[in-house]
C-alpha atoms as a PDB file:
ATOM      1  CA  UNK A   1       4.034   0.640   3.240  1.00  0.00           C
ATOM      2  CA  UNK A   2       0.129   0.509   2.385  1.00  0.00           C
ATOM      3  CA  UNK A   3      -1.544  -2.170   1.293  1.00  0.00           C
ATOM      4  CA  UNK A   4      -4.421  -0.831  -0.383  1.00  0.00           C
ATOM      5  CA  UNK A   5      -4.941  -4.116  -2.448  1.00  0.00           C
ATOM      6  CA  UNK A   6      -8.512  -4.891  -2.973  1.00  0.00           C
ATOM      7  CA  UNK A   7      -9.796  -2.678  -0.684  1.00  0.00           C
ATOM      8  CA  UNK A   8     -12.919  -0.325  -1.724  1.00  0.00           C
ATOM      9  CA  UNK A   9     -12.726   3.142  -2.170  1.00  0.00           C
ATOM     10  CA  UNK A  10     -15.116   3.458   1.024  1.00  0.00           C
ATOM     11  CA  UNK A  11     -12.959   1.394   2.927  1.00  0.00           C
ATOM     12  CA  UNK A  12      -9.919   3.193   1.790  1.00  0.00           C
ATOM     13  CA  UNK A  13     -11.959   6.245   3.154  1.00  0.00           C
ATOM     14  CA  UNK A  14     -12.674   4.864   6.491  1.00  0.00           C
ATOM     15  CA  UNK A  15      -9.030   4.071   7.175  1.00  0.00           C
ATOM     16  CA  UNK A  16      -7.410   7.282   6.314  1.00  0.00           C
ATOM     17  CA  UNK A  17     -10.117   9.277   8.493  1.00  0.00           C
ATOM     18  CA  UNK A  18      -8.916   7.088  11.301  1.00  0.00           C
ATOM     19  CA  UNK A  19      -4.861   7.761  10.928  1.00  0.00           C
ATOM     20  CA  UNK A  20      -3.315  10.762  13.042  1.00  0.00           C
ATOM     21  CA  UNK A  21      -2.078  14.349  11.508  1.00  0.00           C
ATOM     22  CA  UNK A  22       1.677  12.535  11.892  1.00  0.00           C
ATOM     23  CA  UNK A  23       0.051   9.081  10.223  1.00  0.00           C
ATOM     24  CA  UNK A  24      -1.846  11.424   7.414  1.00  0.00           C
ATOM     25  CA  UNK A  25       1.370  13.439   6.541  1.00  0.00           C
ATOM     26  CA  UNK A  26       3.100  10.042   5.906  1.00  0.00           C
ATOM     27  CA  UNK A  27       0.191   8.335   4.220  1.00  0.00           C
ATOM     28  CA  UNK A  28       0.019  10.800   1.486  1.00  0.00           C
ATOM     29  CA  UNK A  29       4.124  11.161   1.149  1.00  0.00           C
ATOM     30  CA  UNK A  30       4.217   7.016   0.556  1.00  0.00           C
ATOM     31  CA  UNK A  31       0.851   6.154  -1.598  1.00  0.00           C
ATOM     32  CA  UNK A  32       0.638   6.207  -5.194  1.00  0.00           C
ATOM     33  CA  UNK A  33      -2.787   6.579  -6.029  1.00  0.00           C
ATOM     34  CA  UNK A  34      -1.672   6.937  -9.590  1.00  0.00           C
ATOM     35  CA  UNK A  35      -1.268   2.921  -9.724  1.00  0.00           C
ATOM     36  CA  UNK A  36      -5.115   2.989  -8.998  1.00  0.00           C
ATOM     37  CA  UNK A  37      -8.483   2.958 -11.120  1.00  0.00           C
ATOM     38  CA  UNK A  38      -9.372   5.816  -9.204  1.00  0.00           C
ATOM     39  CA  UNK A  39      -8.366   9.269  -9.505  1.00  0.00           C
ATOM     40  CA  UNK A  40      -7.899  10.675  -6.612  1.00  0.00           C
ATOM     41  CA  UNK A  41      -5.710  12.099  -3.422  1.00  0.00           C
ATOM     42  CA  UNK A  42      -5.779  11.692  -0.127  1.00  0.00           C
ATOM     43  CA  UNK A  43      -7.223  14.451   0.456  1.00  0.00           C
ATOM     44  CA  UNK A  44     -10.375  13.904  -1.597  1.00  0.00           C
ATOM     45  CA  UNK A  45     -11.162  10.922   0.790  1.00  0.00           C
ATOM     46  CA  UNK A  46     -11.110  13.174   3.916  1.00  0.00           C
ATOM     47  CA  UNK A  47     -14.751  14.118   5.255  1.00  0.00           C
ATOM     48  CA  UNK A  48     -15.578  17.861   5.721  1.00  0.00           C
ATOM     49  CA  UNK A  49     -15.003  17.921   9.404  1.00  0.00           C
ATOM     50  CA  UNK A  50     -11.539  15.847   9.253  1.00  0.00           C
ATOM     51  CA  UNK A  51     -10.141  17.688   6.059  1.00  0.00           C
ATOM     52  CA  UNK A  52     -10.625  21.112   8.338  1.00  0.00           C
ATOM     53  CA  UNK A  53      -8.828  19.533  11.000  1.00  0.00           C
ATOM     54  CA  UNK A  54      -5.980  18.392   8.805  1.00  0.00           C
ATOM     55  CA  UNK A  55      -5.576  21.632   7.576  1.00  0.00           C
ATOM     56  CA  UNK A  56      -5.360  23.469  10.585  1.00  0.00           C
ATOM     57  CA  UNK A  57      -2.631  21.085  11.513  1.00  0.00           C
ATOM     58  CA  UNK A  58      -0.841  21.296   8.331  1.00  0.00           C
ATOM     59  CA  UNK A  59      -0.653  25.433   8.230  1.00  0.00           C
ATOM     60  CA  UNK A  60       0.045  25.367  12.387  1.00  0.00           C
ATOM     61  CA  UNK A  61      -3.853  26.838  12.927  1.00  0.00           C
ATOM     62  CA  UNK A  62      -3.433  29.852  10.090  1.00  0.00           C
ATOM     63  CA  UNK A  63      -5.497  28.082   7.584  1.00  0.00           C
ATOM     64  CA  UNK A  64      -8.667  30.276   6.150  1.00  0.00           C
ATOM     65  CA  UNK A  65     -11.230  28.602   4.703  1.00  0.00           C
ATOM     66  CA  UNK A  66     -13.111  30.219   2.291  1.00  0.00           C
ATOM     67  CA  UNK A  67     -16.471  29.364  -0.278  1.00  0.00           C
ATOM     68  CA  UNK A  68     -16.458  31.352  -3.479  1.00  0.00           C
END
């Protein structure tokens, strides 16, 4: 289990961006952000390049990113 008690959003963001893809999968499954005072999910915490890498991983390299 991940203990995020007392951590700022920036600290959590740094932590989430440091996780491997497999660790990020586990984090997404296990962490319930409804327990916190902010309206986020794990994907909201990823920086742009990390989000792209994770989406490619999650879709086995077949993710298409568009900006409409």
